[in-house]
Amino acid sequence: MAKMDEIRFVAGPVIQRYNDKIEGERQAALKAQEDAAAKKRAEEAKKAAADPQPAPDTEMKDADAETVQPDSVEEK
């Protein structure tokens, strides 16, 4: 037991520094992803503001209800 306690005493700070490094790298990667997503959203918003969407097509209410076939088309 004494030997295991000695190993834990020596290895504990090393393991803690390693875990801190891994956590720091994970946080940096997460921040980079968030920054990239924010940049993409900003570009899309800028593009949308510069190029507004056209009005959607509306249904023509004054068109004939029947479909008119051209003279050269025969129905079978």
C-alpha atoms as a PDB file:
ATOM      1  CA  MET A   1       0.000   0.000   0.000  1.00  0.00           C
ATOM      2  CA  ALA A   2       2.815   2.391   0.815  1.00  0.00           C
ATOM      3  CA  LYS A   3       4.366   1.860  -2.613  1.00  0.00           C
ATOM      4  CA  MET A   4       1.017   2.578  -4.356  1.00  0.00           C
ATOM      5  CA  ASP A   5       0.575   5.768  -2.327  1.00  0.00           C
ATOM      6  CA  GLU A   6       4.097   6.852  -3.308  1.00  0.00           C
ATOM      7  CA  ILE A   7       3.348   6.228  -7.006  1.00  0.00           C
ATOM      8  CA  ARG A   8       0.069   8.146  -6.752  1.00  0.00           C
ATOM      9  CA  PHE A   9       1.888  11.012  -5.018  1.00  0.00           C
ATOM     10  CA  VAL A  10       4.452  11.238  -7.838  1.00  0.00           C
ATOM     11  CA  ALA A  11       2.072  10.510 -10.738  1.00  0.00           C
ATOM     12  CA  GLY A  12      -0.863  12.624  -9.516  1.00  0.00           C
ATOM     13  CA  PRO A  13       0.471  16.025 -10.700  1.00  0.00           C
ATOM     14  CA  VAL A  14       1.585  14.544 -14.030  1.00  0.00           C
ATOM     15  CA  ILE A  15      -1.836  13.069 -14.652  1.00  0.00           C
ATOM     16  CA  GLN A  16      -3.498  16.352 -13.642  1.00  0.00           C
ATOM     17  CA  ARG A  17      -1.331  18.381 -16.058  1.00  0.00           C
ATOM     18  CA  TYR A  18      -2.138  15.898 -18.841  1.00  0.00           C
ATOM     19  CA  ASN A  19      -5.878  16.132 -18.145  1.00  0.00           C
ATOM     20  CA  ASP A  20      -5.647  19.941 -18.061  1.00  0.00           C
ATOM     21  CA  LYS A  21      -3.860  19.921 -21.440  1.00  0.00           C
ATOM     22  CA  ILE A  22      -6.480  17.638 -23.004  1.00  0.00           C
ATOM     23  CA  GLU A  23      -9.302  19.801 -21.624  1.00  0.00           C
ATOM     24  CA  GLY A  24      -7.608  22.955 -22.938  1.00  0.00           C
ATOM     25  CA  GLU A  25      -7.304  21.441 -26.417  1.00  0.00           C
ATOM     26  CA  ARG A  26     -10.953  20.378 -26.323  1.00  0.00           C
ATOM     27  CA  GLN A  27     -12.035  23.884 -25.297  1.00  0.00           C
ATOM     28  CA  ALA A  28      -9.900  25.431 -28.076  1.00  0.00           C
ATOM     29  CA  ALA A  29     -11.452  23.118 -30.679  1.00  0.00           C
ATOM     30  CA  LEU A  30     -14.940  23.907 -29.417  1.00  0.00           C
ATOM     31  CA  LYS A  31     -14.242  27.646 -29.565  1.00  0.00           C
ATOM     32  CA  ALA A  32     -12.884  27.302 -33.109  1.00  0.00           C
ATOM     33  CA  GLN A  33     -16.061  25.475 -34.180  1.00  0.00           C
ATOM     34  CA  GLU A  34     -18.246  28.143 -32.579  1.00  0.00           C
ATOM     35  CA  ASP A  35     -16.250  30.917 -34.255  1.00  0.00           C
ATOM     36  CA  ALA A  36     -16.541  29.205 -37.640  1.00  0.00           C
ATOM     37  CA  ALA A  37     -20.309  28.767 -37.189  1.00  0.00           C
ATOM     38  CA  ALA A  38     -20.696  32.415 -36.154  1.00  0.00           C
ATOM     39  CA  LYS A  39     -18.688  33.555 -39.180  1.00  0.00           C
ATOM     40  CA  LYS A  40     -20.828  31.411 -41.484  1.00  0.00           C
ATOM     41  CA  ARG A  41     -24.054  32.813 -39.976  1.00  0.00           C
ATOM     42  CA  ALA A  42     -22.735  36.358 -40.384  1.00  0.00           C
ATOM     43  CA  GLU A  43     -21.865  35.726 -44.044  1.00  0.00           C
ATOM     44  CA  GLU A  44     -25.305  34.225 -44.702  1.00  0.00           C
ATOM     45  CA  ALA A  45     -27.000  37.177 -43.009  1.00  0.00           C
ATOM     46  CA  LYS A  46     -24.904  39.616 -45.037  1.00  0.00           C
ATOM     47  CA  LYS A  47     -25.735  37.754 -48.244  1.00  0.00           C
ATOM     48  CA  ALA A  48     -29.451  37.658 -47.375  1.00  0.00           C
ATOM     49  CA  ALA A  49     -29.448  41.393 -46.648  1.00  0.00           C
ATOM     50  CA  ALA A  50     -27.702  42.178 -49.933  1.00  0.00           C
ATOM     51  CA  ASP A  51     -29.910  39.874 -52.026  1.00  0.00           C
ATOM     52  CA  PRO A  52     -33.500  39.910 -50.714  1.00  0.00           C
ATOM     53  CA  GLN A  53     -35.700  36.968 -51.590  1.00  0.00           C
ATOM     54  CA  PRO A  54     -38.122  37.539 -54.479  1.00  0.00           C
ATOM     55  CA  ALA A  55     -41.831  37.521 -53.697  1.00  0.00           C
ATOM     56  CA  PRO A  56     -43.350  34.045 -53.987  1.00  0.00           C
ATOM     57  CA  ASP A  57     -45.442  33.278 -57.030  1.00  0.00           C
ATOM     58  CA  THR A  58     -49.135  33.781 -56.524  1.00  0.00           C
ATOM     59  CA  GLU A  59     -51.959  31.806 -58.045  1.00  0.00           C
ATOM     60  CA  MET A  60     -53.551  33.367 -61.114  1.00  0.00           C
ATOM     61  CA  LYS A  61     -57.213  33.784 -60.232  1.00  0.00           C
ATOM     62  CA  ASP A  62     -58.312  35.295 -63.560  1.00  0.00           C
ATOM     63  CA  ALA A  63     -57.154  32.350 -65.727  1.00  0.00           C
ATOM     64  CA  ASP A  64     -59.731  30.046 -67.322  1.00  0.00           C
ATOM     65  CA  ALA A  65     -60.723  27.112 -65.196  1.00  0.00           C
ATOM     66  CA  GLU A  66     -60.539  24.750 -68.154  1.00  0.00           C
ATOM     67  CA  THR A  67     -57.268  23.734 -69.679  1.00  0.00           C
ATOM     68  CA  VAL A  68     -57.053  24.805 -73.286  1.00  0.00           C
ATOM     69  CA  GLN A  69     -55.271  22.321 -75.546  1.00  0.00           C
ATOM     70  CA  PRO A  70     -53.427  23.636 -78.594  1.00  0.00           C
ATOM     71  CA  ASP A  71     -54.909  22.590 -81.957  1.00  0.00           C
ATOM     72  CA  SER A  72     -51.983  20.307 -82.789  1.00  0.00           C
ATOM     73  CA  VAL A  73     -52.418  18.153 -79.667  1.00  0.00           C
ATOM     74  CA  GLU A  74     -54.845  15.263 -79.805  1.00  0.00           C
ATOM     75  CA  GLU A  75     -56.205  13.529 -76.751  1.00  0.00           C
ATOM     76  CA  LYS A  76     -56.433   9.747 -76.827  1.00  0.00           C
END
